[in-house]
Amino acid sequence: MAEEKSSQPDPQTETSFSTLVLSLAMSALQQMSEPEKPGQPGLDYRLAKPMIDSLETLKEKTKGNLTPDESALLDSLLFDLRLRFLKASGRPQSPKQEPAAAAEKPPEKESDGPG
């Protein structure tokens, strides 16, 4: 008697959207990690950028098609990865400001009085 295969996928080997997202995020985190031993060459944080960009593209292309949990996972990972990337690159850690928002900011008033 031949063994009958189940039509249900094995949860341990099933690939899901969350698995894909976590895999890309882990790759980015590995590139930004510190060396485990002193004197060991560090990884290049710039190699994390393509992974972060891929996650951003996935977010854009899957907008409206994700479950709330998938969307929350992707948002959370992107937020964390962006902050870590800024820290690794030595850039200031200010929130990302949209160019349009910067343009809408009212100009500071100049003093007309004597000074």
Protein backbone atom coordinates (compact mmCIF):
# COMPACT_ATOMS: atom_id res chain seq x y z
CA MET A 1 0.00 0.00 0.00
CA ALA A 2 1.50 3.34 -1.06
CA GLU A 3 1.63 6.16 1.45
CA GLU A 4 -0.85 8.88 0.62
CA LYS A 5 0.50 12.45 0.75
CA SER A 6 -1.54 15.04 2.58
CA SER A 7 -2.81 17.98 0.56
CA GLN A 8 -2.08 20.22 3.55
CA PRO A 9 1.35 21.90 3.43
CA ASP A 10 3.80 21.18 6.22
CA PRO A 11 3.79 24.26 8.49
CA GLN A 12 7.54 23.90 9.07
CA THR A 13 8.37 24.10 5.37
CA GLU A 14 5.52 26.31 4.16
CA THR A 15 6.66 29.58 2.62
CA SER A 16 4.49 32.53 3.43
CA PHE A 17 4.62 36.27 2.92
CA SER A 18 5.75 36.68 6.52
CA THR A 19 8.57 34.19 6.00
CA LEU A 20 9.77 36.10 2.94
CA VAL A 21 9.64 39.43 4.77
CA LEU A 22 11.47 38.04 7.80
CA SER A 23 14.14 36.50 5.59
CA LEU A 24 14.87 39.82 3.87
CA ALA A 25 14.87 41.63 7.22
CA MET A 26 17.31 39.13 8.74
CA SER A 27 19.65 39.57 5.77
CA ALA A 28 19.60 43.33 6.28
CA LEU A 29 20.21 42.96 10.02
CA GLN A 30 23.17 40.65 9.41
CA GLN A 31 24.79 43.24 7.17
CA MET A 32 24.42 45.90 9.87
CA SER A 33 25.62 43.75 12.76
CA GLU A 34 28.78 44.41 14.71
CA PRO A 35 31.64 41.90 14.49
CA GLU A 36 31.43 39.23 17.19
CA LYS A 37 35.14 39.39 18.04
CA PRO A 38 37.41 42.43 18.29
CA GLY A 39 39.64 42.77 15.27
CA GLN A 40 37.22 40.81 13.09
CA PRO A 41 36.19 42.77 10.00
CA GLY A 42 32.70 44.22 10.25
CA LEU A 43 30.06 43.80 7.65
CA ASP A 44 29.21 46.61 5.28
CA TYR A 45 25.98 48.33 6.33
CA ARG A 46 25.56 49.62 2.76
CA LEU A 47 24.74 46.07 1.67
CA ALA A 48 21.62 46.23 3.86
CA LYS A 49 20.10 48.99 1.73
CA PRO A 50 19.01 46.72 -1.17
CA MET A 51 17.22 44.47 1.33
CA ILE A 52 15.45 47.44 2.92
CA ASP A 53 14.58 48.77 -0.55
CA SER A 54 13.15 45.35 -1.47
CA LEU A 55 10.95 45.40 1.62
CA GLU A 56 9.76 48.91 0.74
CA THR A 57 8.93 47.73 -2.79
CA LEU A 58 7.00 44.76 -1.39
CA LYS A 59 5.04 47.11 0.85
CA GLU A 60 4.20 49.35 -2.10
CA LYS A 61 3.27 46.53 -4.47
CA THR A 62 1.17 44.61 -1.95
CA LYS A 63 -0.72 47.62 -0.56
CA GLY A 64 -4.33 46.63 0.08
CA ASN A 65 -3.64 42.91 -0.37
CA LEU A 66 -2.09 42.08 3.01
CA THR A 67 -3.74 40.89 6.17
CA PRO A 68 -3.55 43.33 9.10
CA ASP A 69 -0.90 41.12 10.72
CA GLU A 70 1.24 41.02 7.57
CA SER A 71 0.95 44.77 7.12
CA ALA A 72 1.87 45.43 10.77
CA LEU A 73 4.87 43.08 10.53
CA LEU A 74 6.14 44.81 7.40
CA ASP A 75 5.66 48.30 8.86
CA SER A 76 7.37 47.35 12.09
CA LEU A 77 10.35 45.75 10.35
CA LEU A 78 10.81 48.67 7.98
CA PHE A 79 10.70 51.18 10.84
CA ASP A 80 13.28 49.22 12.84
CA LEU A 81 15.56 48.58 9.85
CA ARG A 82 15.52 52.24 8.79
CA LEU A 83 16.52 53.38 12.28
CA ARG A 84 19.29 50.78 12.48
CA PHE A 85 20.52 51.79 9.03
CA LEU A 86 20.67 55.45 10.07
CA LYS A 87 22.56 54.50 13.21
CA ALA A 88 24.99 52.27 11.29
CA SER A 89 25.61 54.96 8.67
CA GLY A 90 26.23 57.64 11.29
CA ARG A 91 23.44 59.88 10.00
CA PRO A 92 21.26 61.85 12.43
CA GLN A 93 18.33 59.81 13.74
CA SER A 94 15.52 62.24 13.00
CA PRO A 95 12.18 61.01 11.66
CA LYS A 96 11.94 60.87 7.89
CA GLN A 97 10.33 64.12 6.71
CA GLU A 98 8.51 64.17 3.43
CA PRO A 99 9.71 66.90 1.02
CA ALA A 100 6.13 68.19 0.63
CA ALA A 101 5.77 68.57 4.38
CA ALA A 102 8.98 70.59 4.51
CA ALA A 103 7.71 72.88 1.75
CA GLU A 104 4.42 73.47 3.58
CA LYS A 105 6.16 74.62 6.75
CA PRO A 106 5.44 78.33 7.20
CA PRO A 107 8.49 80.58 6.98
CA GLU A 108 9.75 82.11 10.19
CA LYS A 109 8.62 85.69 10.76
CA GLU A 110 11.28 88.28 10.43
CA SER A 111 11.41 91.01 13.00
CA ASP A 112 10.47 94.41 11.58
CA GLY A 113 11.45 96.27 14.73
CA PRO A 114 14.77 97.94 15.43
CA GLY A 115 17.45 95.54 16.35
